[in-house]
Amino acid sequence: MKKQNKFLIAGFILSLFLAGVVSHYASSSPDGLEKVAGDIGFLESAKEHSNSDGVLADYGVKGIKNERLSTGAAGVIGVIATAGVSTGLFLVLRRKSGANK
C-alpha cells in the first residue's frame, strides 16, 4: 500500500473518531449568529427552517434517544457523506482534466 493511501485512510479514521466521539464534547454555547440574534433581540422572532424535522436536524439523528449516540452517529454520517461527495468530485474532475491532455 502506498504511503499516501495509508495517510488518507488514517485521516479518514481520525475524522470518524473525532466526529463520533469528540463531537459530543463540543461547545453547547450558541454560535455567532445565534448570539448576535439574542444580543440584538430578534432571536424570539426566528422561525423553524424547512428541514427542522429532518433525520439529521439539530446535530443528531432522529429516532436515537441517547443524546451522545445520536450526536456521534450524525457526525459519522456527515464525515462519510462528505468523504463520498468529495471523492466523487475528485474522480470526475480528475478524469476531465486527464482527457484534455
N, C-alpha and C. Protein backbone atom coordinates (compact mmCIF):
# COMPACT_ATOMS: atom_id res chain seq x y z
N MET A 1 0.85 -1.18 0.00
CA MET A 1 0.00 0.00 0.00
C MET A 1 0.89 1.24 0.00
N LYS A 2 0.51 2.21 -0.83
CA LYS A 2 1.27 3.44 -0.93
C LYS A 2 1.20 4.23 0.37
N LYS A 3 2.25 4.98 0.62
CA LYS A 3 2.31 5.83 1.81
C LYS A 3 1.17 6.85 1.81
N GLN A 4 0.86 7.37 0.63
CA GLN A 4 -0.21 8.36 0.50
C GLN A 4 -1.56 7.74 0.88
N ASN A 5 -1.82 6.50 0.45
CA ASN A 5 -3.08 5.83 0.79
C ASN A 5 -3.18 5.58 2.29
N LYS A 6 -2.08 5.20 2.91
CA LYS A 6 -2.08 4.99 4.36
C LYS A 6 -2.41 6.29 5.08
N PHE A 7 -1.86 7.39 4.60
CA PHE A 7 -2.12 8.70 5.19
C PHE A 7 -3.59 9.07 5.06
N LEU A 8 -4.18 8.85 3.88
CA LEU A 8 -5.59 9.18 3.65
C LEU A 8 -6.50 8.31 4.52
N ILE A 9 -6.20 7.03 4.63
CA ILE A 9 -7.00 6.13 5.45
C ILE A 9 -6.90 6.52 6.92
N ALA A 10 -5.70 6.85 7.37
CA ALA A 10 -5.52 7.27 8.77
C ALA A 10 -6.28 8.56 9.04
N GLY A 11 -6.26 9.49 8.11
CA GLY A 11 -7.01 10.74 8.25
C GLY A 11 -8.51 10.50 8.30
N PHE A 12 -8.99 9.57 7.48
CA PHE A 12 -10.41 9.24 7.46
C PHE A 12 -10.83 8.60 8.80
N ILE A 13 -10.01 7.69 9.30
CA ILE A 13 -10.31 7.04 10.58
C ILE A 13 -10.28 8.07 11.71
N LEU A 14 -9.32 8.97 11.70
CA LEU A 14 -9.25 10.02 12.71
C LEU A 14 -10.47 10.92 12.63
N SER A 15 -10.90 11.25 11.43
CA SER A 15 -12.10 12.08 11.25
C SER A 15 -13.34 11.39 11.81
N LEU A 16 -13.45 10.08 11.55
CA LEU A 16 -14.58 9.32 12.09
C LEU A 16 -14.56 9.33 13.61
N PHE A 17 -13.37 9.16 14.19
CA PHE A 17 -13.25 9.17 15.65
C PHE A 17 -13.64 10.53 16.22
N LEU A 18 -13.10 11.58 15.63
CA LEU A 18 -13.41 12.93 16.13
C LEU A 18 -14.91 13.23 16.00
N ALA A 19 -15.49 12.88 14.88
CA ALA A 19 -16.91 13.15 14.67
C ALA A 19 -17.78 12.27 15.56
N GLY A 20 -17.38 11.04 15.76
CA GLY A 20 -18.20 10.10 16.52
C GLY A 20 -18.06 10.20 18.01
N VAL A 21 -16.89 10.57 18.50
CA VAL A 21 -16.64 10.56 19.94
C VAL A 21 -16.44 11.97 20.49
N VAL A 22 -15.55 12.71 19.90
CA VAL A 22 -15.16 14.00 20.45
C VAL A 22 -16.23 15.07 20.20
N SER A 23 -17.04 14.91 19.17
CA SER A 23 -18.05 15.92 18.86
C SER A 23 -19.05 16.12 20.00
N HIS A 24 -19.23 15.11 20.81
CA HIS A 24 -20.15 15.24 21.96
C HIS A 24 -19.67 16.31 22.93
N TYR A 25 -18.38 16.52 22.98
CA TYR A 25 -17.80 17.48 23.92
C TYR A 25 -17.66 18.89 23.34
N ALA A 26 -18.21 19.12 22.15
CA ALA A 26 -18.14 20.45 21.54
C ALA A 26 -18.96 21.44 22.37
N SER A 27 -18.68 22.68 22.18
CA SER A 27 -19.33 23.74 22.96
C SER A 27 -20.85 23.72 22.76
N SER A 28 -21.57 23.84 23.84
CA SER A 28 -23.02 23.93 23.75
C SER A 28 -23.46 25.39 23.72
N SER A 29 -22.51 26.31 23.73
CA SER A 29 -22.83 27.73 23.62
C SER A 29 -23.39 28.02 22.23
N PRO A 30 -24.21 29.06 22.10
CA PRO A 30 -24.76 29.38 20.78
C PRO A 30 -23.66 29.83 19.82
N ASP A 31 -23.90 29.58 18.53
CA ASP A 31 -22.93 30.04 17.54
C ASP A 31 -23.02 31.56 17.39
N GLY A 32 -22.18 32.13 16.55
CA GLY A 32 -22.10 33.57 16.42
C GLY A 32 -23.40 34.23 16.01
N LEU A 33 -24.06 33.67 15.00
CA LEU A 33 -25.31 34.26 14.52
C LEU A 33 -26.38 34.21 15.60
N GLU A 34 -26.48 33.08 16.28
CA GLU A 34 -27.48 32.95 17.34
C GLU A 34 -27.19 33.90 18.50
N LYS A 35 -25.91 34.10 18.82
CA LYS A 35 -25.54 35.01 19.90
C LYS A 35 -25.91 36.45 19.54
N VAL A 36 -25.59 36.86 18.33
CA VAL A 36 -25.92 38.23 17.89
C VAL A 36 -27.43 38.41 17.86
N ALA A 37 -28.16 37.40 17.39
CA ALA A 37 -29.63 37.49 17.35
C ALA A 37 -30.19 37.67 18.77
N GLY A 38 -29.59 36.99 19.74
CA GLY A 38 -30.02 37.15 21.12
C GLY A 38 -29.66 38.51 21.68
N ASP A 39 -28.45 38.99 21.35
CA ASP A 39 -28.00 40.29 21.84
C ASP A 39 -28.84 41.44 21.29
N ILE A 40 -29.15 41.36 20.00
CA ILE A 40 -29.92 42.42 19.35
C ILE A 40 -31.40 42.31 19.69
N GLY A 41 -31.87 41.10 19.91
CA GLY A 41 -33.25 40.93 20.34
C GLY A 41 -34.21 40.40 19.29
N PHE A 42 -33.71 39.82 18.21
CA PHE A 42 -34.63 39.26 17.23
C PHE A 42 -34.64 37.73 17.23
N LEU A 43 -34.01 37.13 18.23
CA LEU A 43 -33.98 35.66 18.32
C LEU A 43 -35.38 35.10 18.54
N GLU A 44 -36.21 35.82 19.29
CA GLU A 44 -37.55 35.35 19.59
C GLU A 44 -38.44 35.28 18.35
N SER A 45 -38.13 36.08 17.35
CA SER A 45 -38.96 36.09 16.14
C SER A 45 -38.48 35.07 15.10
N ALA A 46 -37.47 34.29 15.43
CA ALA A 46 -36.95 33.30 14.49
C ALA A 46 -37.98 32.21 14.24
N LYS A 47 -38.00 31.71 13.02
CA LYS A 47 -38.91 30.63 12.63
C LYS A 47 -38.10 29.38 12.34
N GLU A 48 -38.72 28.24 12.49
CA GLU A 48 -38.07 26.97 12.16
C GLU A 48 -37.86 26.90 10.65
N HIS A 49 -36.74 26.36 10.24
CA HIS A 49 -36.49 26.22 8.81
C HIS A 49 -37.18 24.97 8.27
N SER A 50 -37.23 24.82 6.98
CA SER A 50 -37.99 23.74 6.35
C SER A 50 -37.41 22.36 6.64
N ASN A 51 -36.14 22.27 7.01
CA ASN A 51 -35.51 20.99 7.29
C ASN A 51 -35.42 20.68 8.79
N SER A 52 -36.13 21.42 9.61
CA SER A 52 -36.01 21.23 11.05
C SER A 52 -36.55 19.89 11.53
N ASP A 53 -37.36 19.24 10.73
CA ASP A 53 -37.87 17.91 11.07
C ASP A 53 -37.10 16.80 10.37
N GLY A 54 -35.98 17.13 9.75
CA GLY A 54 -35.20 16.15 9.01
C GLY A 54 -34.53 15.13 9.90
N VAL A 55 -34.02 14.10 9.28
CA VAL A 55 -33.39 12.99 10.00
C VAL A 55 -32.16 13.46 10.77
N LEU A 56 -31.41 14.41 10.24
CA LEU A 56 -30.17 14.88 10.88
C LEU A 56 -30.30 16.30 11.43
N ALA A 57 -31.49 16.71 11.81
CA ALA A 57 -31.69 18.06 12.33
C ALA A 57 -31.08 18.20 13.73
N ASP A 58 -30.59 19.39 14.03
CA ASP A 58 -30.06 19.75 15.35
C ASP A 58 -28.89 18.86 15.80
N TYR A 59 -28.01 18.54 14.88
CA TYR A 59 -26.77 17.81 15.19
C TYR A 59 -27.04 16.45 15.84
N GLY A 60 -28.07 15.79 15.42
CA GLY A 60 -28.39 14.47 15.95
C GLY A 60 -29.14 13.66 14.92
N VAL A 61 -29.36 12.39 15.23
CA VAL A 61 -30.10 11.51 14.34
C VAL A 61 -31.48 11.28 14.96
N LYS A 62 -32.48 11.62 14.20
CA LYS A 62 -33.86 11.48 14.68
C LYS A 62 -34.13 10.00 14.97
N GLY A 63 -34.73 9.73 16.11
CA GLY A 63 -35.08 8.37 16.47
C GLY A 63 -34.11 7.72 17.44
N ILE A 64 -32.93 8.30 17.61
CA ILE A 64 -31.97 7.79 18.58
C ILE A 64 -32.14 8.61 19.86
N LYS A 65 -32.56 7.95 20.92
CA LYS A 65 -32.88 8.65 22.18
C LYS A 65 -31.65 9.10 22.95
N ASN A 66 -30.58 8.30 22.90
CA ASN A 66 -29.34 8.62 23.62
C ASN A 66 -28.67 9.80 22.92
N GLU A 67 -28.55 10.93 23.62
CA GLU A 67 -28.01 12.15 23.01
C GLU A 67 -26.57 11.97 22.53
N ARG A 68 -25.75 11.31 23.32
CA ARG A 68 -24.35 11.10 22.95
C ARG A 68 -24.25 10.25 21.68
N LEU A 69 -25.02 9.17 21.64
CA LEU A 69 -25.01 8.28 20.47
C LEU A 69 -25.58 8.98 19.25
N SER A 70 -26.63 9.77 19.45
CA SER A 70 -27.27 10.49 18.36
C SER A 70 -26.31 11.51 17.74
N THR A 71 -25.62 12.27 18.58
CA THR A 71 -24.65 13.26 18.10
C THR A 71 -23.49 12.58 17.37
N GLY A 72 -22.98 11.50 17.95
CA GLY A 72 -21.88 10.77 17.32
C GLY A 72 -22.26 10.18 15.99
N ALA A 73 -23.47 9.59 15.92
CA ALA A 73 -23.93 9.00 14.66
C ALA A 73 -24.09 10.06 13.59
N ALA A 74 -24.62 11.22 13.96
CA ALA A 74 -24.76 12.32 12.99
C ALA A 74 -23.39 12.77 12.48
N GLY A 75 -22.41 12.84 13.37
CA GLY A 75 -21.06 13.21 12.96
C GLY A 75 -20.45 12.21 12.00
N VAL A 76 -20.62 10.92 12.31
CA VAL A 76 -20.07 9.87 11.45
C VAL A 76 -20.76 9.89 10.08
N ILE A 77 -22.07 10.06 10.07
CA ILE A 77 -22.79 10.15 8.81
C ILE A 77 -22.30 11.35 8.00
N GLY A 78 -22.07 12.46 8.67
CA GLY A 78 -21.56 13.65 7.99
C GLY A 78 -20.18 13.44 7.38
N VAL A 79 -19.30 12.77 8.13
CA VAL A 79 -17.95 12.50 7.62
C VAL A 79 -18.01 11.58 6.40
N ILE A 80 -18.83 10.53 6.49
CA ILE A 80 -18.94 9.59 5.37
C ILE A 80 -19.55 10.27 4.15
N ALA A 81 -20.58 11.10 4.36
CA ALA A 81 -21.20 11.80 3.23
C ALA A 81 -20.22 12.79 2.59
N THR A 82 -19.49 13.52 3.42
CA THR A 82 -18.51 14.48 2.90
C THR A 82 -17.40 13.77 2.14
N ALA A 83 -16.93 12.66 2.69
CA ALA A 83 -15.88 11.89 2.01
C ALA A 83 -16.38 11.34 0.68
N GLY A 84 -17.62 10.87 0.66
CA GLY A 84 -18.18 10.33 -0.57
C GLY A 84 -18.33 11.38 -1.66
N VAL A 85 -18.90 12.52 -1.28
CA VAL A 85 -19.09 13.60 -2.26
C VAL A 85 -17.75 14.14 -2.76
N SER A 86 -16.82 14.37 -1.84
CA SER A 86 -15.53 14.93 -2.25
C SER A 86 -14.74 13.93 -3.10
N THR A 87 -14.81 12.65 -2.78
CA THR A 87 -14.12 11.64 -3.59
C THR A 87 -14.74 11.57 -4.98
N GLY A 88 -16.07 11.60 -5.03
CA GLY A 88 -16.74 11.59 -6.34
C GLY A 88 -16.37 12.79 -7.18
N LEU A 89 -16.37 13.97 -6.58
CA LEU A 89 -15.99 15.17 -7.32
C LEU A 89 -14.53 15.10 -7.78
N PHE A 90 -13.68 14.60 -6.91
CA PHE A 90 -12.27 14.47 -7.28
C PHE A 90 -12.11 13.56 -8.49
N LEU A 91 -12.81 12.43 -8.48
CA LEU A 91 -12.68 11.48 -9.59
C LEU A 91 -13.24 12.06 -10.89
N VAL A 92 -14.35 12.77 -10.82
CA VAL A 92 -14.93 13.38 -12.02
C VAL A 92 -13.99 14.46 -12.56
N LEU A 93 -13.51 15.33 -11.68
CA LEU A 93 -12.62 16.41 -12.13
C LEU A 93 -11.29 15.88 -12.62
N ARG A 94 -10.79 14.84 -12.00
CA ARG A 94 -9.52 14.26 -12.44
C ARG A 94 -9.66 13.66 -13.83
N ARG A 95 -10.75 12.98 -14.10
CA ARG A 95 -10.96 12.38 -15.41
C ARG A 95 -11.09 13.43 -16.49
N LYS A 96 -11.81 14.51 -16.19
CA LYS A 96 -11.98 15.58 -17.18
C LYS A 96 -10.65 16.24 -17.50
N SER A 97 -9.84 16.53 -16.50
CA SER A 97 -8.58 17.20 -16.78
C SER A 97 -7.59 16.25 -17.45
N GLY A 98 -7.69 14.97 -17.16
CA GLY A 98 -6.81 13.98 -17.81
C GLY A 98 -7.17 13.78 -19.27
N ALA A 99 -8.43 13.96 -19.62
CA ALA A 99 -8.89 13.78 -21.00
C ALA A 99 -8.44 14.93 -21.90
N ASN A 100 -8.18 16.08 -21.30
CA ASN A 100 -7.78 17.26 -22.08
C ASN A 100 -6.32 17.22 -22.51
N LYS A 101 -5.55 16.36 -21.95
CA LYS A 101 -4.11 16.33 -22.27
C LYS A 101 -3.81 15.50 -23.47
